[in-house]
Amino acid sequence: MLILLNILKAIAAILDVVVTFYSVVLFARVIMSWIRIPYNQISEIIYRITEPVLAPIRRRLPMSMGIDFSPMIVFILLMVIRMVVVTSIYQYVSMYQMKYMMTP
């Protein structure tokens, strides 16, 4: 049982790192949209990483006064994933680890 709890804890840690990484990349994309950076390989990589998530939201969400709110929606979704999913996994693991340690 302890091994499964450690695996769940590792999954939560990996998910947390992925959410953090994607948040940073998405933030870089937002900054790049404000500052016109000439085409380079890094901007192309950032575009390829973020566009598959932003495009479906952008299709469903109309632009308001020329402002694209899709990155804000994705940031909110990432925060929800971190606050609900990752925290729930950590709490689940910690609850069962304490229960496992208390049993003789």
C-alpha atoms as a PDB file:
ATOM      1  CA  MET A   1       0.000   0.000   0.000  1.00  0.00           C
ATOM      2  CA  LEU A   2       2.844   2.358   0.827  1.00  0.00           C
ATOM      3  CA  ILE A   3       4.286   1.902  -2.660  1.00  0.00           C
ATOM      4  CA  LEU A   4       0.985   2.907  -4.265  1.00  0.00           C
ATOM      5  CA  LEU A   5       0.824   5.992  -2.066  1.00  0.00           C
ATOM      6  CA  ASN A   6       4.336   6.963  -3.153  1.00  0.00           C
ATOM      7  CA  ILE A   7       3.364   6.442  -6.788  1.00  0.00           C
ATOM      8  CA  LEU A   8       0.326   8.707  -6.308  1.00  0.00           C
ATOM      9  CA  LYS A   9       2.541  11.299  -4.631  1.00  0.00           C
ATOM     10  CA  ALA A  10       4.964  11.135  -7.576  1.00  0.00           C
ATOM     11  CA  ILE A  11       2.086  11.533 -10.037  1.00  0.00           C
ATOM     12  CA  ALA A  12       0.891  14.606  -8.145  1.00  0.00           C
ATOM     13  CA  ALA A  13       4.411  16.065  -8.159  1.00  0.00           C
ATOM     14  CA  ILE A  14       4.796  15.444 -11.903  1.00  0.00           C
ATOM     15  CA  LEU A  15       1.384  16.984 -12.598  1.00  0.00           C
ATOM     16  CA  ASP A  16       2.350  19.997 -10.511  1.00  0.00           C
ATOM     17  CA  VAL A  17       5.572  20.432 -12.502  1.00  0.00           C
ATOM     18  CA  VAL A  18       3.706  20.091 -15.816  1.00  0.00           C
ATOM     19  CA  VAL A  19       1.119  22.681 -14.762  1.00  0.00           C
ATOM     20  CA  THR A  20       3.872  25.052 -13.618  1.00  0.00           C
ATOM     21  CA  PHE A  21       5.849  24.572 -16.849  1.00  0.00           C
ATOM     22  CA  TYR A  22       2.779  25.157 -19.007  1.00  0.00           C
ATOM     23  CA  SER A  23       1.901  28.269 -17.007  1.00  0.00           C
ATOM     24  CA  VAL A  24       5.362  29.699 -17.613  1.00  0.00           C
ATOM     25  CA  VAL A  25       5.220  28.903 -21.327  1.00  0.00           C
ATOM     26  CA  LEU A  26       1.746  30.418 -21.586  1.00  0.00           C
ATOM     27  CA  PHE A  27       2.914  33.542 -19.747  1.00  0.00           C
ATOM     28  CA  ALA A  28       5.828  33.807 -22.198  1.00  0.00           C
ATOM     29  CA  ARG A  29       3.324  33.584 -25.071  1.00  0.00           C
ATOM     30  CA  VAL A  30       1.240  36.400 -23.586  1.00  0.00           C
ATOM     31  CA  ILE A  31       4.323  38.601 -23.147  1.00  0.00           C
ATOM     32  CA  MET A  32       5.429  37.801 -26.701  1.00  0.00           C
ATOM     33  CA  SER A  33       2.028  38.908 -28.011  1.00  0.00           C
ATOM     34  CA  TRP A  34       2.454  42.293 -26.329  1.00  0.00           C
ATOM     35  CA  ILE A  35       6.034  42.789 -27.495  1.00  0.00           C
ATOM     36  CA  ARG A  36       6.501  42.053 -31.152  1.00  0.00           C
ATOM     37  CA  ILE A  37       9.485  39.722 -31.194  1.00  0.00           C
ATOM     38  CA  PRO A  38      10.884  38.772 -34.583  1.00  0.00           C
ATOM     39  CA  TYR A  39      10.386  35.176 -35.621  1.00  0.00           C
ATOM     40  CA  ASN A  40      12.820  32.777 -33.999  1.00  0.00           C
ATOM     41  CA  GLN A  41      12.891  29.120 -33.035  1.00  0.00           C
ATOM     42  CA  ILE A  42      11.962  29.705 -29.392  1.00  0.00           C
ATOM     43  CA  SER A  43       8.842  31.665 -30.296  1.00  0.00           C
ATOM     44  CA  GLU A  44       7.850  28.913 -32.726  1.00  0.00           C
ATOM     45  CA  ILE A  45       8.229  26.264 -29.979  1.00  0.00           C
ATOM     46  CA  ILE A  46       6.169  28.341 -27.555  1.00  0.00           C
ATOM     47  CA  TYR A  47       3.496  28.803 -30.228  1.00  0.00           C
ATOM     48  CA  ARG A  48       3.378  25.058 -30.975  1.00  0.00           C
ATOM     49  CA  ILE A  49       3.082  24.176 -27.282  1.00  0.00           C
ATOM     50  CA  THR A  50       0.303  26.644 -26.467  1.00  0.00           C
ATOM     51  CA  GLU A  51      -1.782  26.829 -29.638  1.00  0.00           C
ATOM     52  CA  PRO A  52      -3.429  23.361 -29.347  1.00  0.00           C
ATOM     53  CA  VAL A  53      -4.947  24.434 -26.025  1.00  0.00           C
ATOM     54  CA  LEU A  54      -5.708  28.057 -26.917  1.00  0.00           C
ATOM     55  CA  ALA A  55      -7.292  27.451 -30.344  1.00  0.00           C
ATOM     56  CA  PRO A  56     -10.419  25.537 -29.179  1.00  0.00           C
ATOM     57  CA  ILE A  57     -11.068  28.108 -26.456  1.00  0.00           C
ATOM     58  CA  ARG A  58     -10.531  30.961 -28.899  1.00  0.00           C
ATOM     59  CA  ARG A  59     -13.089  29.421 -31.314  1.00  0.00           C
ATOM     60  CA  ARG A  60     -15.752  29.288 -28.600  1.00  0.00           C
ATOM     61  CA  LEU A  61     -14.921  32.601 -26.927  1.00  0.00           C
ATOM     62  CA  PRO A  62     -15.550  35.703 -29.007  1.00  0.00           C
ATOM     63  CA  MET A  63     -12.906  38.419 -29.018  1.00  0.00           C
ATOM     64  CA  SER A  64     -13.919  41.417 -26.990  1.00  0.00           C
ATOM     65  CA  MET A  65     -12.591  44.785 -28.176  1.00  0.00           C
ATOM     66  CA  GLY A  66      -9.667  43.051 -29.882  1.00  0.00           C
ATOM     67  CA  ILE A  67      -8.524  41.329 -26.690  1.00  0.00           C
ATOM     68  CA  ASP A  68      -7.965  37.580 -26.655  1.00  0.00           C
ATOM     69  CA  PHE A  69      -9.149  36.202 -23.316  1.00  0.00           C
ATOM     70  CA  SER A  70      -8.270  32.564 -24.085  1.00  0.00           C
ATOM     71  CA  PRO A  71      -4.945  32.674 -22.162  1.00  0.00           C
ATOM     72  CA  MET A  72      -6.807  33.936 -19.091  1.00  0.00           C
ATOM     73  CA  ILE A  73      -9.253  31.018 -19.333  1.00  0.00           C
ATOM     74  CA  VAL A  74      -6.347  28.568 -19.614  1.00  0.00           C
ATOM     75  CA  PHE A  75      -4.606  30.180 -16.609  1.00  0.00           C
ATOM     76  CA  ILE A  76      -7.805  29.738 -14.592  1.00  0.00           C
ATOM     77  CA  LEU A  77      -8.089  26.099 -15.683  1.00  0.00           C
ATOM     78  CA  LEU A  78      -4.459  25.479 -14.716  1.00  0.00           C
ATOM     79  CA  MET A  79      -5.067  27.024 -11.299  1.00  0.00           C
ATOM     80  CA  VAL A  80      -8.126  24.825 -10.824  1.00  0.00           C
ATOM     81  CA  ILE A  81      -6.123  21.735 -11.789  1.00  0.00           C
ATOM     82  CA  ARG A  82      -3.429  22.672  -9.312  1.00  0.00           C
ATOM     83  CA  MET A  83      -5.803  23.609  -6.493  1.00  0.00           C
ATOM     84  CA  VAL A  84      -8.288  20.766  -6.900  1.00  0.00           C
ATOM     85  CA  VAL A  85      -6.532  17.807  -8.479  1.00  0.00           C
ATOM     86  CA  VAL A  86      -2.954  18.133  -7.231  1.00  0.00           C
ATOM     87  CA  THR A  87      -3.931  19.253  -3.737  1.00  0.00           C
ATOM     88  CA  SER A  88      -6.537  16.486  -3.473  1.00  0.00           C
ATOM     89  CA  ILE A  89      -3.990  13.849  -4.414  1.00  0.00           C
ATOM     90  CA  TYR A  90      -1.502  15.199  -1.868  1.00  0.00           C
ATOM     91  CA  GLN A  91      -4.171  15.264   0.852  1.00  0.00           C
ATOM     92  CA  TYR A  92      -5.354  11.762  -0.039  1.00  0.00           C
ATOM     93  CA  VAL A  93      -1.803  10.437   0.165  1.00  0.00           C
ATOM     94  CA  SER A  94      -1.074  12.204   3.426  1.00  0.00           C
ATOM     95  CA  MET A  95      -4.334  10.988   4.994  1.00  0.00           C
ATOM     96  CA  TYR A  96      -3.637   7.370   4.093  1.00  0.00           C
ATOM     97  CA  GLN A  97       0.033   7.588   5.051  1.00  0.00           C
ATOM     98  CA  MET A  98      -0.988   8.755   8.527  1.00  0.00           C
ATOM     99  CA  LYS A  99      -3.579   5.971   8.686  1.00  0.00           C
ATOM    100  CA  TYR A 100      -0.950   3.455   7.531  1.00  0.00           C
ATOM    101  CA  MET A 101       1.549   4.652  10.141  1.00  0.00           C
ATOM    102  CA  MET A 102      -1.021   4.430  12.975  1.00  0.00           C
ATOM    103  CA  THR A 103      -2.012   0.830  12.317  1.00  0.00           C
ATOM    104  CA  PRO A 104       0.109  -1.631  14.306  1.00  0.00           C
END
